[in-house]
Amino acid sequence: MYYFRLQQDKRFIDGLRLEQVSRDMEIKERNIVFVKEDGDKPVYLDFIDHPRRLVSDRLKALLEKYDDRLRFQSAIVTGRSTQRQDIYWFMEPGELDCLSGKTQVDAGGTCRRLVLDAPKVRRERIFRVAGLQEDVLIVRLDIAESLLRRTFTGLHLTPVELD
């Protein structure tokens, strides 16, 4: 089976940037998040991975079809000046301890070469990799293909090695 790292496409320099959202913020049942409006008109991407992982309503609907164990919390993304409101979802997939001994991490904790241990992955569909300083999201080939067949914006897929 093949796996891919799912990230936000960094080519979108005008991607959605959010106010007062941090990696350690508490997610409530209802969340209102404001868009930073300090430049040009922002691009509303379907996948945002920084500072918290957010997916559009349309992307959430697709991901739920592949993995019903995914947890989502709603967030209303609001642009003050444009008065635009969109439904997004904070996504927290499960974490899996599946790093291979061939994974290379530098002294600063950054992963230089990601290698997953195939028997530990066990055909999981969507998961975060445990044991890394950075937050790495992995999707299986069938999900990657499904994402690429549709017109989602802001996705970047990178193949991951299996051991």
N, C-alpha and C. Protein backbone atom coordinates (compact mmCIF):
# COMPACT_ATOMS: atom_id res chain seq x y z
N MET A 1 0.85 -1.18 0.00
CA MET A 1 0.00 0.00 0.00
C MET A 1 0.89 1.24 0.00
N TYR A 2 0.43 2.29 -0.64
CA TYR A 2 1.17 3.55 -0.73
C TYR A 2 0.53 4.59 0.17
N TYR A 3 1.37 5.46 0.73
CA TYR A 3 0.91 6.53 1.62
C TYR A 3 1.52 7.86 1.20
N PHE A 4 0.81 8.94 1.56
CA PHE A 4 1.24 10.28 1.19
C PHE A 4 1.09 11.22 2.38
N ARG A 5 2.01 12.16 2.46
CA ARG A 5 1.90 13.22 3.46
C ARG A 5 1.02 14.32 2.88
N LEU A 6 -0.01 14.70 3.62
CA LEU A 6 -0.93 15.74 3.20
C LEU A 6 -0.57 17.03 3.93
N GLN A 7 -0.29 18.09 3.14
CA GLN A 7 0.09 19.38 3.68
C GLN A 7 -0.66 20.48 2.95
N GLN A 8 -0.62 21.66 3.54
CA GLN A 8 -1.14 22.84 2.86
C GLN A 8 -0.17 23.23 1.77
N ASP A 9 -0.68 23.57 0.61
CA ASP A 9 0.15 23.99 -0.51
C ASP A 9 0.70 25.38 -0.22
N LYS A 10 2.02 25.48 -0.08
CA LYS A 10 2.68 26.74 0.28
C LYS A 10 2.73 27.73 -0.87
N ARG A 11 2.33 27.32 -2.07
CA ARG A 11 2.32 28.24 -3.20
C ARG A 11 1.23 29.30 -3.07
N PHE A 12 0.25 29.05 -2.22
CA PHE A 12 -0.80 30.03 -2.00
C PHE A 12 -0.34 31.03 -0.95
N ILE A 13 0.37 32.06 -1.39
CA ILE A 13 0.90 33.03 -0.44
C ILE A 13 -0.20 33.91 0.15
N ASP A 14 -1.33 33.96 -0.53
CA ASP A 14 -2.47 34.74 -0.03
C ASP A 14 -3.50 33.84 0.64
N GLY A 15 -3.04 32.69 1.12
CA GLY A 15 -3.96 31.76 1.77
C GLY A 15 -4.55 32.36 3.03
N LEU A 16 -5.60 31.76 3.49
CA LEU A 16 -6.32 32.23 4.66
C LEU A 16 -5.43 32.21 5.90
N ARG A 17 -5.28 33.36 6.53
CA ARG A 17 -4.57 33.44 7.81
C ARG A 17 -5.57 33.85 8.87
N LEU A 18 -5.49 33.22 10.02
CA LEU A 18 -6.53 33.36 11.04
C LEU A 18 -6.01 34.09 12.27
N GLU A 19 -6.90 34.87 12.90
CA GLU A 19 -6.57 35.59 14.12
C GLU A 19 -6.73 34.68 15.32
N GLN A 20 -5.86 34.82 16.28
CA GLN A 20 -5.95 34.17 17.58
C GLN A 20 -6.20 32.66 17.52
N VAL A 21 -5.59 32.02 16.55
CA VAL A 21 -5.65 30.56 16.48
C VAL A 21 -4.24 30.05 16.71
N SER A 22 -4.09 29.18 17.68
CA SER A 22 -2.77 28.61 17.96
C SER A 22 -2.90 27.10 18.10
N ARG A 23 -1.77 26.43 18.06
CA ARG A 23 -1.74 24.98 18.14
C ARG A 23 -2.34 24.48 19.45
N ASP A 24 -2.22 25.27 20.53
CA ASP A 24 -2.68 24.81 21.84
C ASP A 24 -4.00 25.45 22.28
N MET A 25 -4.68 26.13 21.36
CA MET A 25 -5.95 26.75 21.74
C MET A 25 -7.00 25.69 22.06
N GLU A 26 -7.87 26.03 22.97
CA GLU A 26 -8.95 25.11 23.34
C GLU A 26 -10.05 25.19 22.29
N ILE A 27 -10.46 24.04 21.81
CA ILE A 27 -11.53 23.98 20.81
C ILE A 27 -12.84 23.71 21.54
N LYS A 28 -13.80 24.59 21.32
CA LYS A 28 -15.09 24.46 21.98
C LYS A 28 -16.10 23.81 21.04
N GLU A 29 -17.30 23.66 21.53
CA GLU A 29 -18.34 23.07 20.68
C GLU A 29 -18.65 23.99 19.49
N ARG A 30 -18.67 25.29 19.75
CA ARG A 30 -18.88 26.27 18.69
C ARG A 30 -17.70 27.23 18.70
N ASN A 31 -17.10 27.42 17.55
CA ASN A 31 -15.92 28.27 17.44
C ASN A 31 -16.16 29.31 16.35
N ILE A 32 -15.81 30.55 16.65
CA ILE A 32 -15.83 31.60 15.65
C ILE A 32 -14.40 32.07 15.48
N VAL A 33 -13.93 32.02 14.25
CA VAL A 33 -12.55 32.37 13.94
C VAL A 33 -12.57 33.51 12.92
N PHE A 34 -11.76 34.54 13.18
CA PHE A 34 -11.72 35.69 12.28
C PHE A 34 -10.51 35.62 11.36
N VAL A 35 -10.71 36.11 10.14
CA VAL A 35 -9.66 36.14 9.13
C VAL A 35 -8.82 37.38 9.33
N LYS A 36 -7.49 37.23 9.26
CA LYS A 36 -6.60 38.39 9.28
C LYS A 36 -6.73 39.09 7.94
N GLU A 37 -7.10 40.35 7.98
CA GLU A 37 -7.33 41.09 6.74
C GLU A 37 -6.31 42.22 6.63
N ASP A 38 -5.05 41.85 6.52
CA ASP A 38 -4.00 42.86 6.47
C ASP A 38 -3.37 42.99 5.09
N GLY A 39 -3.96 42.42 4.09
CA GLY A 39 -3.39 42.49 2.75
C GLY A 39 -4.47 42.37 1.70
N ASP A 40 -4.14 41.68 0.63
CA ASP A 40 -5.10 41.46 -0.44
C ASP A 40 -6.21 40.52 0.02
N LYS A 41 -7.15 40.34 -0.84
CA LYS A 41 -8.28 39.45 -0.56
C LYS A 41 -7.75 38.02 -0.35
N PRO A 42 -8.02 37.41 0.82
CA PRO A 42 -7.47 36.08 1.09
C PRO A 42 -8.14 34.99 0.25
N VAL A 43 -7.39 33.92 0.00
CA VAL A 43 -7.90 32.76 -0.72
C VAL A 43 -8.41 31.76 0.31
N TYR A 44 -9.65 31.37 0.18
CA TYR A 44 -10.25 30.40 1.11
C TYR A 44 -9.89 29.00 0.63
N LEU A 45 -8.85 28.44 1.22
CA LEU A 45 -8.36 27.12 0.85
C LEU A 45 -9.25 26.04 1.47
N ASP A 46 -9.22 24.86 0.87
CA ASP A 46 -9.96 23.73 1.43
C ASP A 46 -9.22 23.03 2.56
N PHE A 47 -7.89 23.25 2.62
CA PHE A 47 -7.08 22.60 3.65
C PHE A 47 -6.09 23.60 4.21
N ILE A 48 -6.15 23.81 5.52
CA ILE A 48 -5.23 24.70 6.23
C ILE A 48 -4.57 23.88 7.31
N ASP A 49 -3.24 23.88 7.36
CA ASP A 49 -2.58 23.07 8.38
C ASP A 49 -1.83 23.88 9.43
N HIS A 50 -1.85 25.20 9.29
CA HIS A 50 -1.12 26.01 10.27
C HIS A 50 -1.94 27.21 10.67
N PRO A 51 -2.07 27.56 11.88
CA PRO A 51 -1.49 26.93 13.07
C PRO A 51 -2.30 25.73 13.58
N ARG A 52 -3.56 25.59 13.16
CA ARG A 52 -4.36 24.40 13.48
C ARG A 52 -4.89 23.83 12.18
N ARG A 53 -5.12 22.54 12.15
CA ARG A 53 -5.62 21.90 10.94
C ARG A 53 -7.11 22.17 10.78
N LEU A 54 -7.45 22.85 9.68
CA LEU A 54 -8.84 23.16 9.35
C LEU A 54 -9.15 22.64 7.96
N VAL A 55 -10.32 22.08 7.79
CA VAL A 55 -10.75 21.62 6.47
C VAL A 55 -12.09 22.26 6.15
N SER A 56 -12.32 22.48 4.85
CA SER A 56 -13.59 23.05 4.42
C SER A 56 -14.71 22.02 4.62
N ASP A 57 -15.92 22.51 4.56
CA ASP A 57 -17.08 21.64 4.73
C ASP A 57 -17.12 20.56 3.66
N ARG A 58 -16.75 20.92 2.45
CA ARG A 58 -16.75 19.97 1.32
C ARG A 58 -15.68 18.89 1.50
N LEU A 59 -14.50 19.28 1.96
CA LEU A 59 -13.42 18.31 2.20
C LEU A 59 -13.77 17.40 3.37
N LYS A 60 -14.38 17.95 4.40
CA LYS A 60 -14.81 17.13 5.54
C LYS A 60 -15.76 16.03 5.09
N ALA A 61 -16.72 16.38 4.23
CA ALA A 61 -17.70 15.40 3.75
C ALA A 61 -17.01 14.24 3.05
N LEU A 62 -15.97 14.52 2.27
CA LEU A 62 -15.25 13.45 1.58
C LEU A 62 -14.44 12.60 2.55
N LEU A 63 -13.71 13.24 3.46
CA LEU A 63 -12.87 12.50 4.40
C LEU A 63 -13.69 11.59 5.31
N GLU A 64 -14.87 12.03 5.69
CA GLU A 64 -15.75 11.21 6.54
C GLU A 64 -16.18 9.92 5.85
N LYS A 65 -16.26 9.95 4.53
CA LYS A 65 -16.64 8.74 3.79
C LYS A 65 -15.55 7.68 3.88
N TYR A 66 -14.30 8.10 4.03
CA TYR A 66 -13.19 7.17 4.11
C TYR A 66 -12.88 6.71 5.53
N ASP A 67 -13.13 7.57 6.50
CA ASP A 67 -12.79 7.20 7.88
C ASP A 67 -13.82 7.82 8.82
N ASP A 68 -14.72 7.00 9.32
CA ASP A 68 -15.77 7.49 10.20
C ASP A 68 -15.29 7.72 11.64
N ARG A 69 -14.02 7.42 11.91
CA ARG A 69 -13.47 7.64 13.25
C ARG A 69 -12.87 9.04 13.41
N LEU A 70 -12.79 9.80 12.32
CA LEU A 70 -12.23 11.15 12.40
C LEU A 70 -13.10 12.03 13.29
N ARG A 71 -12.44 12.88 14.07
CA ARG A 71 -13.16 13.80 14.94
C ARG A 71 -13.08 15.21 14.36
N PHE A 72 -14.21 15.89 14.33
CA PHE A 72 -14.28 17.25 13.81
C PHE A 72 -15.02 18.15 14.80
N GLN A 73 -14.61 19.42 14.86
CA GLN A 73 -15.33 20.44 15.61
C GLN A 73 -15.54 21.62 14.67
N SER A 74 -16.74 22.16 14.64
CA SER A 74 -17.05 23.22 13.69
C SER A 74 -16.36 24.53 14.05
N ALA A 75 -16.11 25.31 13.01
CA ALA A 75 -15.54 26.65 13.16
C ALA A 75 -16.15 27.53 12.07
N ILE A 76 -16.69 28.66 12.48
CA ILE A 76 -17.22 29.61 11.51
C ILE A 76 -16.11 30.60 11.22
N VAL A 77 -15.58 30.55 10.00
CA VAL A 77 -14.50 31.45 9.60
C VAL A 77 -15.15 32.71 9.03
N THR A 78 -14.84 33.84 9.65
CA THR A 78 -15.54 35.09 9.35
C THR A 78 -14.56 36.17 8.92
N GLY A 79 -14.87 36.81 7.79
CA GLY A 79 -14.14 37.98 7.35
C GLY A 79 -14.92 39.21 7.77
N ARG A 80 -14.31 40.06 8.59
CA ARG A 80 -15.04 41.22 9.13
C ARG A 80 -15.44 42.21 8.04
N SER A 81 -14.49 42.60 7.22
CA SER A 81 -14.79 43.64 6.23
C SER A 81 -15.67 43.12 5.09
N THR A 82 -15.47 41.87 4.70
CA THR A 82 -16.26 41.31 3.60
C THR A 82 -17.58 40.72 4.08
N GLN A 83 -17.70 40.52 5.37
CA GLN A 83 -18.87 39.90 5.99
C GLN A 83 -19.13 38.51 5.42
N ARG A 84 -18.07 37.85 5.03
CA ARG A 84 -18.17 36.49 4.51
C ARG A 84 -18.01 35.50 5.65
N GLN A 85 -18.85 34.49 5.67
CA GLN A 85 -18.75 33.43 6.66
C GLN A 85 -18.77 32.08 5.96
N ASP A 86 -17.81 31.24 6.33
CA ASP A 86 -17.72 29.89 5.77
C ASP A 86 -17.61 28.89 6.91
N ILE A 87 -18.15 27.71 6.70
CA ILE A 87 -18.05 26.65 7.69
C ILE A 87 -16.77 25.85 7.42
N TYR A 88 -15.92 25.78 8.43
CA TYR A 88 -14.72 24.96 8.39
C TYR A 88 -14.79 24.02 9.58
N TRP A 89 -13.88 23.07 9.60
CA TRP A 89 -13.87 22.07 10.66
C TRP A 89 -12.45 21.85 11.16
N PHE A 90 -12.27 21.96 12.48
CA PHE A 90 -11.01 21.55 13.09
C PHE A 90 -10.99 20.03 13.00
N MET A 91 -9.89 19.47 12.49
CA MET A 91 -9.80 18.02 12.30
C MET A 91 -8.67 17.48 13.15
N GLU A 92 -8.96 16.47 13.95
CA GLU A 92 -7.95 15.83 14.78
C GLU A 92 -7.96 14.32 14.53
N PRO A 93 -7.21 13.86 13.54
CA PRO A 93 -7.14 12.40 13.32
C PRO A 93 -6.33 11.73 14.42
N GLY A 94 -6.53 10.45 14.55
CA GLY A 94 -5.80 9.70 15.55
C GLY A 94 -4.31 9.65 15.27
N GLU A 95 -3.55 9.42 16.32
CA GLU A 95 -2.09 9.36 16.21
C GLU A 95 -1.66 7.90 16.18
N LEU A 96 -0.66 7.58 15.36
CA LEU A 96 -0.21 6.21 15.20
C LEU A 96 1.31 6.16 15.37
N ASP A 97 1.77 5.27 16.24
CA ASP A 97 3.21 5.07 16.45
C ASP A 97 3.71 4.12 15.36
N CYS A 98 4.25 4.69 14.28
CA CYS A 98 4.60 3.87 13.12
C CYS A 98 5.91 4.28 12.46
N LEU A 99 6.78 4.99 13.18
CA LEU A 99 8.05 5.40 12.60
C LEU A 99 8.99 4.21 12.45
N SER A 100 9.65 4.17 11.33
CA SER A 100 10.66 3.15 11.08
C SER A 100 11.99 3.63 11.66
N GLY A 101 12.88 2.71 11.91
CA GLY A 101 14.22 3.05 12.37
C GLY A 101 15.02 3.80 11.32
N LYS A 102 14.56 3.79 10.08
CA LYS A 102 15.25 4.49 9.00
C LYS A 102 14.87 5.96 8.89
N THR A 103 13.92 6.40 9.71
CA THR A 103 13.54 7.82 9.72
C THR A 103 14.72 8.64 10.21
N GLN A 104 14.99 9.75 9.52
CA GLN A 104 16.11 10.61 9.87
C GLN A 104 15.58 11.93 10.43
N VAL A 105 15.99 12.23 11.67
CA VAL A 105 15.61 13.47 12.34
C VAL A 105 16.88 14.21 12.71
N ASP A 106 16.95 15.53 12.39
CA ASP A 106 18.17 16.28 12.70
C ASP A 106 18.17 16.70 14.17
N ALA A 107 19.25 17.35 14.60
CA ALA A 107 19.43 17.73 16.00
C ALA A 107 18.34 18.69 16.48
N GLY A 108 17.78 19.48 15.58
CA GLY A 108 16.73 20.42 15.94
C GLY A 108 15.35 19.78 16.05
N GLY A 109 15.23 18.51 15.72
CA GLY A 109 13.97 17.81 15.80
C GLY A 109 13.17 17.79 14.51
N THR A 110 13.72 18.38 13.44
CA THR A 110 13.04 18.39 12.15
C THR A 110 13.26 17.07 11.43
N CYS A 111 12.21 16.52 10.87
CA CYS A 111 12.29 15.26 10.15
C CYS A 111 12.87 15.50 8.76
N ARG A 112 14.00 14.91 8.47
CA ARG A 112 14.66 15.05 7.16
C ARG A 112 14.20 13.98 6.19
N ARG A 113 13.96 12.78 6.69
CA ARG A 113 13.52 11.66 5.85
C ARG A 113 12.50 10.86 6.66
N LEU A 114 11.29 10.84 6.16
CA LEU A 114 10.21 10.13 6.86
C LEU A 114 10.04 8.75 6.25
N VAL A 115 10.18 7.73 7.10
CA VAL A 115 9.98 6.35 6.68
C VAL A 115 9.03 5.70 7.69
N LEU A 116 7.95 5.12 7.18
CA LEU A 116 6.97 4.47 8.04
C LEU A 116 7.20 2.97 8.08
N ASP A 117 6.92 2.37 9.22
CA ASP A 117 7.03 0.92 9.41
C ASP A 117 5.72 0.29 8.91
N ALA A 118 5.77 -0.40 7.78
CA ALA A 118 4.57 -0.93 7.12
C ALA A 118 3.70 -1.81 8.04
N PRO A 119 4.28 -2.77 8.80
CA PRO A 119 3.42 -3.59 9.67
C PRO A 119 2.67 -2.78 10.73
N LYS A 120 3.26 -1.69 11.20
CA LYS A 120 2.60 -0.86 12.22
C LYS A 120 1.49 0.00 11.62
N VAL A 121 1.60 0.31 10.34
CA VAL A 121 0.58 1.14 9.69
C VAL A 121 -0.72 0.37 9.52
N ARG A 122 -0.66 -0.91 9.23
CA ARG A 122 -1.83 -1.81 9.17
C ARG A 122 -2.98 -1.28 8.31
N ARG A 123 -2.70 -0.73 7.18
CA ARG A 123 -3.73 -0.26 6.24
C ARG A 123 -4.61 0.85 6.81
N GLU A 124 -4.08 1.61 7.78
CA GLU A 124 -4.82 2.77 8.30
C GLU A 124 -5.05 3.76 7.16
N ARG A 125 -6.08 4.55 7.26
CA ARG A 125 -6.45 5.44 6.16
C ARG A 125 -5.94 6.87 6.34
N ILE A 126 -6.23 7.46 7.49
CA ILE A 126 -5.82 8.83 7.78
C ILE A 126 -5.31 8.85 9.21
N PHE A 127 -4.09 9.36 9.42
CA PHE A 127 -3.53 9.39 10.76
C PHE A 127 -2.39 10.40 10.86
N ARG A 128 -2.09 10.77 12.11
CA ARG A 128 -0.93 11.60 12.41
C ARG A 128 0.18 10.67 12.87
N VAL A 129 1.41 11.04 12.59
CA VAL A 129 2.56 10.23 12.97
C VAL A 129 3.02 10.63 14.37
N ALA A 130 3.06 9.66 15.29
CA ALA A 130 3.53 9.92 16.65
C ALA A 130 5.06 9.90 16.68
N GLY A 131 5.62 10.62 17.63
CA GLY A 131 7.06 10.58 17.84
C GLY A 131 7.85 11.63 17.09
N LEU A 132 7.17 12.56 16.44
CA LEU A 132 7.85 13.64 15.73
C LEU A 132 7.50 14.97 16.37
N GLN A 133 8.43 15.92 16.28
CA GLN A 133 8.18 17.25 16.81
C GLN A 133 7.12 17.97 15.99
N GLU A 134 7.15 17.79 14.67
CA GLU A 134 6.17 18.43 13.80
C GLU A 134 4.93 17.55 13.67
N ASP A 135 3.84 18.18 13.28
CA ASP A 135 2.57 17.49 13.13
C ASP A 135 2.46 17.00 11.68
N VAL A 136 2.57 15.68 11.47
CA VAL A 136 2.58 15.10 10.14
C VAL A 136 1.29 14.31 9.93
N LEU A 137 0.57 14.66 8.86
CA LEU A 137 -0.68 13.98 8.52
C LEU A 137 -0.45 13.08 7.32
N ILE A 138 -0.86 11.82 7.42
CA ILE A 138 -0.66 10.81 6.39
C ILE A 138 -2.01 10.32 5.89
N VAL A 139 -2.12 10.15 4.57
CA VAL A 139 -3.33 9.57 3.97
C VAL A 139 -2.93 8.42 3.05
N ARG A 140 -3.82 7.45 2.94
CA ARG A 140 -3.59 6.29 2.09
C ARG A 140 -3.82 6.67 0.63
N LEU A 141 -3.30 5.86 -0.28
CA LEU A 141 -3.36 6.11 -1.72
C LEU A 141 -4.78 6.36 -2.22
N ASP A 142 -5.75 5.56 -1.79
CA ASP A 142 -7.11 5.75 -2.29
C ASP A 142 -7.68 7.12 -1.93
N ILE A 143 -7.34 7.62 -0.77
CA ILE A 143 -7.79 8.95 -0.37
C ILE A 143 -7.06 10.02 -1.17
N ALA A 144 -5.75 9.85 -1.36
CA ALA A 144 -4.97 10.81 -2.14
C ALA A 144 -5.53 10.92 -3.56
N GLU A 145 -5.84 9.79 -4.17
CA GLU A 145 -6.39 9.80 -5.52
C GLU A 145 -7.75 10.50 -5.56
N SER A 146 -8.56 10.24 -4.56
CA SER A 146 -9.88 10.86 -4.49
C SER A 146 -9.77 12.38 -4.33
N LEU A 147 -8.83 12.82 -3.53
CA LEU A 147 -8.60 14.26 -3.35
C LEU A 147 -8.17 14.92 -4.65
N LEU A 148 -7.31 14.24 -5.40
CA LEU A 148 -6.78 14.82 -6.63
C LEU A 148 -7.81 14.84 -7.76
N ARG A 149 -8.80 13.96 -7.71
CA ARG A 149 -9.84 13.93 -8.74
C ARG A 149 -10.82 15.09 -8.60
N ARG A 150 -10.82 15.73 -7.46
CA ARG A 150 -11.77 16.82 -7.22
C ARG A 150 -11.03 18.15 -7.25
N THR A 151 -11.77 19.23 -7.22
CA THR A 151 -11.16 20.56 -7.36
C THR A 151 -10.91 21.23 -6.02
N PHE A 152 -10.23 20.53 -5.12
CA PHE A 152 -9.87 21.12 -3.84
C PHE A 152 -8.68 22.05 -4.02
N THR A 153 -8.66 23.13 -3.26
CA THR A 153 -7.53 24.06 -3.33
C THR A 153 -6.72 23.99 -2.05
N GLY A 154 -5.42 24.17 -2.21
CA GLY A 154 -4.55 24.24 -1.05
C GLY A 154 -3.98 22.93 -0.57
N LEU A 155 -4.08 21.86 -1.37
CA LEU A 155 -3.56 20.55 -0.97
C LEU A 155 -2.22 20.29 -1.64
N HIS A 156 -1.32 19.67 -0.89
CA HIS A 156 -0.04 19.22 -1.46
C HIS A 156 0.23 17.82 -0.91
N LEU A 157 0.42 16.86 -1.81
CA LEU A 157 0.67 15.47 -1.42
C LEU A 157 2.10 15.09 -1.76
N THR A 158 2.80 14.47 -0.80
CA THR A 158 4.16 14.01 -0.99
C THR A 158 4.23 12.52 -0.65
N PRO A 159 4.79 11.69 -1.55
CA PRO A 159 4.89 10.26 -1.24
C PRO A 159 5.76 10.01 0.00
N VAL A 160 5.39 8.99 0.76
CA VAL A 160 6.12 8.62 1.97
C VAL A 160 6.68 7.21 1.78
N GLU A 161 7.92 7.01 2.23
CA GLU A 161 8.55 5.69 2.12
C GLU A 161 8.01 4.75 3.19
N LEU A 162 7.89 3.47 2.82
CA LEU A 162 7.51 2.43 3.75
C LEU A 162 8.67 1.44 3.90
N ASP A 163 8.84 0.94 5.10
CA ASP A 163 9.91 -0.03 5.37
C ASP A 163 9.29 -1.38 5.66
